[in-house]
């Protein structure tokens, strides 16, 4: 088991400005110790001959050609708008700016 102490957890919580109860510190001490131990196990088998991976399966992007197709006219697109200003939707202002 890793040597994570309750004092270290309390110190880290203080640095992060997180108020933890003593029960939370005790629980996190155990959990952080388990995390550090798990990382150490992975580091032990991740030798230089093991390639780094971000995904277990190779990823490929599927692209298609952009094709121009007929679209809505401005009037069709704005036909359901409650209010419009020319060729744009008109919405209530949310900031005190013009």
N, C-alpha and C. Protein backbone atom coordinates (compact mmCIF):
# COMPACT_ATOMS: atom_id res chain seq x y z
N UNK A 1 0.85 -1.18 0.00
CA UNK A 1 0.00 0.00 0.00
C UNK A 1 0.89 1.24 0.00
N UNK A 2 0.43 2.24 -0.65
CA UNK A 2 1.17 3.49 -0.78
C UNK A 2 1.21 4.22 0.56
N UNK A 3 2.17 5.08 0.68
CA UNK A 3 2.35 5.83 1.92
C UNK A 3 1.69 7.20 1.82
N UNK A 4 0.40 7.25 1.54
CA UNK A 4 -0.37 8.49 1.56
C UNK A 4 -0.91 8.63 2.99
N UNK A 5 -0.64 9.76 3.60
CA UNK A 5 -1.09 9.96 4.97
C UNK A 5 -2.27 10.91 5.03
N UNK A 6 -2.99 10.85 6.13
CA UNK A 6 -4.13 11.75 6.34
C UNK A 6 -3.66 13.20 6.37
N UNK A 7 -2.46 13.42 6.88
CA UNK A 7 -1.92 14.78 6.93
C UNK A 7 -1.68 15.33 5.52
N UNK A 8 -1.20 14.46 4.62
CA UNK A 8 -0.98 14.89 3.23
C UNK A 8 -2.31 15.22 2.56
N UNK A 9 -3.32 14.39 2.79
CA UNK A 9 -4.63 14.65 2.21
C UNK A 9 -5.20 15.96 2.75
N UNK A 10 -5.07 16.17 4.05
CA UNK A 10 -5.56 17.42 4.64
C UNK A 10 -4.81 18.62 4.09
N UNK A 11 -3.50 18.46 3.89
CA UNK A 11 -2.70 19.56 3.33
C UNK A 11 -3.14 19.87 1.90
N UNK A 12 -3.33 18.83 1.09
CA UNK A 12 -3.79 19.04 -0.30
C UNK A 12 -5.18 19.67 -0.33
N UNK A 13 -6.05 19.24 0.55
CA UNK A 13 -7.39 19.82 0.61
C UNK A 13 -7.30 21.30 0.98
N UNK A 14 -6.40 21.63 1.89
CA UNK A 14 -6.21 23.02 2.28
C UNK A 14 -5.69 23.84 1.11
N UNK A 15 -4.72 23.29 0.37
CA UNK A 15 -4.19 24.01 -0.79
C UNK A 15 -5.27 24.25 -1.85
N UNK A 16 -6.16 23.26 -2.00
CA UNK A 16 -7.24 23.37 -2.99
C UNK A 16 -8.44 24.13 -2.43
N UNK A 17 -8.34 24.56 -1.19
CA UNK A 17 -9.41 25.27 -0.51
C UNK A 17 -10.70 24.44 -0.48
N UNK A 18 -10.53 23.15 -0.13
CA UNK A 18 -11.66 22.23 0.00
C UNK A 18 -11.78 21.88 1.48
N UNK A 19 -12.93 22.12 2.05
CA UNK A 19 -13.17 21.81 3.45
C UNK A 19 -13.63 20.36 3.57
N UNK A 20 -12.79 19.52 4.17
CA UNK A 20 -13.11 18.10 4.31
C UNK A 20 -13.29 17.75 5.78
N UNK A 21 -14.26 16.87 6.03
CA UNK A 21 -14.44 16.37 7.40
C UNK A 21 -13.37 15.31 7.66
N UNK A 22 -13.21 14.92 8.91
CA UNK A 22 -12.21 13.89 9.22
C UNK A 22 -12.59 12.57 8.58
N UNK A 23 -13.87 12.28 8.47
CA UNK A 23 -14.31 11.04 7.80
C UNK A 23 -13.95 11.08 6.31
N UNK A 24 -14.12 12.24 5.67
CA UNK A 24 -13.76 12.37 4.26
C UNK A 24 -12.26 12.25 4.07
N UNK A 25 -11.48 12.81 4.97
CA UNK A 25 -10.02 12.70 4.88
C UNK A 25 -9.60 11.25 5.02
N UNK A 26 -10.20 10.52 5.96
CA UNK A 26 -9.87 9.11 6.13
C UNK A 26 -10.21 8.31 4.87
N UNK A 27 -11.39 8.55 4.30
CA UNK A 27 -11.81 7.83 3.10
C UNK A 27 -10.90 8.17 1.92
N UNK A 28 -10.60 9.46 1.75
CA UNK A 28 -9.74 9.86 0.63
C UNK A 28 -8.31 9.38 0.79
N UNK A 29 -7.84 9.24 2.02
CA UNK A 29 -6.50 8.71 2.25
C UNK A 29 -6.41 7.29 1.69
N UNK A 30 -7.42 6.49 1.96
CA UNK A 30 -7.45 5.11 1.44
C UNK A 30 -7.57 5.12 -0.08
N UNK A 31 -8.51 5.92 -0.61
CA UNK A 31 -8.74 5.94 -2.06
C UNK A 31 -7.52 6.45 -2.82
N UNK A 32 -6.90 7.51 -2.34
CA UNK A 32 -5.71 8.04 -3.02
C UNK A 32 -4.56 7.05 -2.95
N UNK A 33 -4.44 6.33 -1.84
CA UNK A 33 -3.42 5.29 -1.73
C UNK A 33 -3.64 4.20 -2.77
N UNK A 34 -4.89 3.80 -2.96
CA UNK A 34 -5.21 2.79 -3.97
C UNK A 34 -4.90 3.29 -5.37
N UNK A 35 -5.18 4.55 -5.63
CA UNK A 35 -4.89 5.12 -6.95
C UNK A 35 -3.39 5.14 -7.21
N UNK A 36 -2.62 5.57 -6.23
CA UNK A 36 -1.17 5.61 -6.40
C UNK A 36 -0.62 4.20 -6.61
N UNK A 37 -1.14 3.22 -5.87
CA UNK A 37 -0.70 1.84 -6.06
C UNK A 37 -1.05 1.33 -7.46
N UNK A 38 -2.23 1.67 -7.96
CA UNK A 38 -2.63 1.23 -9.30
C UNK A 38 -1.75 1.85 -10.37
N UNK A 39 -1.42 3.11 -10.22
CA UNK A 39 -0.53 3.77 -11.17
C UNK A 39 0.85 3.13 -11.13
N UNK A 40 1.31 2.76 -9.95
CA UNK A 40 2.62 2.11 -9.83
C UNK A 40 2.62 0.75 -10.52
N UNK A 41 1.52 0.02 -10.45
CA UNK A 41 1.43 -1.28 -11.13
C UNK A 41 1.49 -1.10 -12.64
N UNK A 42 0.79 -0.09 -13.15
CA UNK A 42 0.82 0.18 -14.59
C UNK A 42 2.22 0.60 -15.00
N UNK A 43 2.84 1.46 -14.20
CA UNK A 43 4.20 1.92 -14.52
C UNK A 43 5.18 0.76 -14.53
N UNK A 44 4.95 -0.26 -13.71
CA UNK A 44 5.85 -1.40 -13.65
C UNK A 44 5.82 -2.22 -14.93
N UNK A 45 4.68 -2.29 -15.59
CA UNK A 45 4.59 -3.09 -16.82
C UNK A 45 4.72 -2.24 -18.08
N UNK A 46 4.64 -0.93 -17.94
CA UNK A 46 4.77 -0.04 -19.10
C UNK A 46 6.25 0.22 -19.35
N UNK A 47 6.89 -0.76 -19.93
CA UNK A 47 8.32 -0.65 -20.23
C UNK A 47 8.51 0.08 -21.55
N UNK A 48 9.72 0.51 -21.85
CA UNK A 48 9.95 1.25 -23.11
C UNK A 48 9.56 0.48 -24.37
N UNK A 49 9.51 -0.85 -24.32
CA UNK A 49 9.15 -1.62 -25.52
C UNK A 49 7.63 -1.71 -25.71
N UNK A 50 6.84 -1.19 -24.77
CA UNK A 50 5.38 -1.17 -24.91
C UNK A 50 4.99 0.19 -25.46
N UNK A 51 4.39 0.22 -26.67
CA UNK A 51 4.04 1.53 -27.26
C UNK A 51 2.90 2.19 -26.49
N UNK A 52 2.98 3.50 -26.40
CA UNK A 52 1.92 4.27 -25.75
C UNK A 52 0.67 4.26 -26.62
N UNK A 53 -0.48 4.18 -25.99
CA UNK A 53 -1.74 4.17 -26.74
C UNK A 53 -2.73 5.12 -26.07
N UNK A 54 -3.56 5.72 -26.88
CA UNK A 54 -4.64 6.53 -26.33
C UNK A 54 -5.97 5.80 -26.44
N UNK A 55 -6.03 4.81 -27.36
CA UNK A 55 -7.25 4.02 -27.56
C UNK A 55 -6.83 2.58 -27.83
N UNK A 56 -7.63 1.62 -27.38
CA UNK A 56 -7.27 0.22 -27.64
C UNK A 56 -7.41 -0.18 -29.10
N UNK A 57 -8.25 0.52 -29.84
CA UNK A 57 -8.45 0.22 -31.26
C UNK A 57 -8.02 1.44 -32.07
N UNK A 58 -7.43 1.23 -33.24
CA UNK A 58 -7.05 2.40 -34.05
C UNK A 58 -8.29 3.19 -34.50
N UNK A 59 -8.15 4.49 -34.47
CA UNK A 59 -9.26 5.36 -34.87
C UNK A 59 -8.99 5.92 -36.26
N UNK A 60 -10.03 5.99 -37.06
CA UNK A 60 -9.92 6.62 -38.37
C UNK A 60 -11.12 7.53 -38.55
N UNK A 61 -10.89 8.67 -39.16
CA UNK A 61 -11.97 9.58 -39.47
C UNK A 61 -12.61 9.19 -40.79
N UNK A 62 -13.91 9.32 -40.85
CA UNK A 62 -14.64 9.04 -42.07
C UNK A 62 -15.09 10.38 -42.64
N UNK A 63 -14.59 10.71 -43.78
CA UNK A 63 -14.92 11.98 -44.40
C UNK A 63 -15.78 11.75 -45.64
N UNK A 64 -16.58 12.72 -45.96
CA UNK A 64 -17.32 12.70 -47.21
C UNK A 64 -17.10 14.03 -47.89
N UNK A 65 -17.29 14.06 -49.16
CA UNK A 65 -17.15 15.30 -49.91
C UNK A 65 -18.30 16.24 -49.56
N UNK A 66 -17.98 17.53 -49.46
CA UNK A 66 -19.02 18.52 -49.28
C UNK A 66 -19.75 18.70 -50.60
N UNK A 67 -21.05 18.59 -50.54
CA UNK A 67 -21.87 18.72 -51.74
C UNK A 67 -22.89 19.81 -51.50
N UNK A 68 -22.96 20.77 -52.40
CA UNK A 68 -23.94 21.84 -52.29
C UNK A 68 -25.29 21.28 -52.71
N UNK A 69 -26.28 21.46 -51.83
CA UNK A 69 -27.64 20.98 -52.12
C UNK A 69 -28.61 22.13 -51.88
N UNK A 70 -29.78 22.06 -52.44
CA UNK A 70 -30.77 23.12 -52.20
C UNK A 70 -31.08 23.22 -50.71
N UNK A 71 -31.30 24.44 -50.25
CA UNK A 71 -31.56 24.67 -48.83
C UNK A 71 -32.78 25.55 -48.68
N UNK A 72 -33.11 25.88 -47.44
CA UNK A 72 -34.24 26.76 -47.19
C UNK A 72 -33.92 28.18 -47.63
N UNK A 73 -34.92 28.87 -48.07
CA UNK A 73 -34.76 30.29 -48.34
C UNK A 73 -34.81 31.01 -47.00
N UNK A 74 -34.43 32.29 -47.00
CA UNK A 74 -34.47 33.07 -45.76
C UNK A 74 -35.91 33.13 -45.24
N UNK A 75 -36.86 33.35 -46.12
CA UNK A 75 -38.26 33.43 -45.69
C UNK A 75 -38.74 32.11 -45.09
N UNK A 76 -38.33 30.99 -45.68
CA UNK A 76 -38.72 29.70 -45.12
C UNK A 76 -38.08 29.47 -43.75
N UNK A 77 -36.81 29.81 -43.63
CA UNK A 77 -36.11 29.61 -42.36
C UNK A 77 -36.69 30.47 -41.25
N UNK A 78 -37.12 31.68 -41.58
CA UNK A 78 -37.65 32.60 -40.58
C UNK A 78 -39.17 32.57 -40.47
N UNK A 79 -39.81 31.65 -41.15
CA UNK A 79 -41.28 31.64 -41.16
C UNK A 79 -41.87 31.35 -39.79
N UNK A 80 -41.19 30.63 -38.93
CA UNK A 80 -41.72 30.34 -37.60
C UNK A 80 -41.18 31.24 -36.52
N UNK A 81 -40.37 32.21 -36.90
CA UNK A 81 -39.76 33.10 -35.90
C UNK A 81 -40.82 34.05 -35.34
N UNK A 82 -40.83 34.24 -34.01
CA UNK A 82 -41.81 35.17 -33.44
C UNK A 82 -41.52 36.62 -33.81
N UNK A 83 -40.25 36.93 -34.10
CA UNK A 83 -39.89 38.29 -34.48
C UNK A 83 -38.63 38.21 -35.33
N UNK A 84 -38.53 39.10 -36.28
CA UNK A 84 -37.35 39.12 -37.13
C UNK A 84 -36.96 40.54 -37.45
N UNK A 85 -35.68 40.69 -37.78
CA UNK A 85 -35.15 41.99 -38.19
C UNK A 85 -34.47 41.76 -39.53
N UNK A 86 -35.18 42.04 -40.59
CA UNK A 86 -34.63 41.79 -41.92
C UNK A 86 -34.46 40.30 -42.15
N UNK A 87 -33.24 39.89 -42.40
CA UNK A 87 -32.94 38.48 -42.66
C UNK A 87 -32.42 37.76 -41.42
N UNK A 88 -32.71 38.28 -40.23
CA UNK A 88 -32.18 37.70 -38.99
C UNK A 88 -33.30 37.50 -37.97
N UNK A 89 -33.06 36.58 -37.04
CA UNK A 89 -33.95 36.42 -35.89
C UNK A 89 -33.77 37.62 -34.97
N UNK A 90 -34.84 38.11 -34.40
CA UNK A 90 -34.75 39.18 -33.40
C UNK A 90 -35.04 38.52 -32.05
N UNK A 91 -34.12 38.74 -31.12
CA UNK A 91 -34.27 38.17 -29.78
C UNK A 91 -34.13 39.28 -28.75
N UNK A 92 -34.66 39.05 -27.56
CA UNK A 92 -34.53 40.08 -26.51
C UNK A 92 -33.06 40.27 -26.12
N UNK A 93 -32.69 41.50 -25.81
CA UNK A 93 -31.33 41.78 -25.36
C UNK A 93 -31.14 41.19 -23.97
N UNK A 94 -29.97 40.60 -23.73
CA UNK A 94 -29.70 40.04 -22.41
C UNK A 94 -28.61 40.81 -21.69
N UNK A 95 -27.93 41.70 -22.38
CA UNK A 95 -26.89 42.53 -21.78
C UNK A 95 -27.29 43.99 -21.93
N UNK A 96 -26.71 44.81 -21.11
CA UNK A 96 -26.99 46.24 -21.21
C UNK A 96 -26.09 46.90 -22.25
N UNK A 97 -25.97 46.27 -23.37
CA UNK A 97 -25.12 46.80 -24.45
C UNK A 97 -25.96 46.92 -25.71
N UNK A 98 -25.54 47.78 -26.56
CA UNK A 98 -26.22 47.93 -27.85
C UNK A 98 -25.55 47.09 -28.89
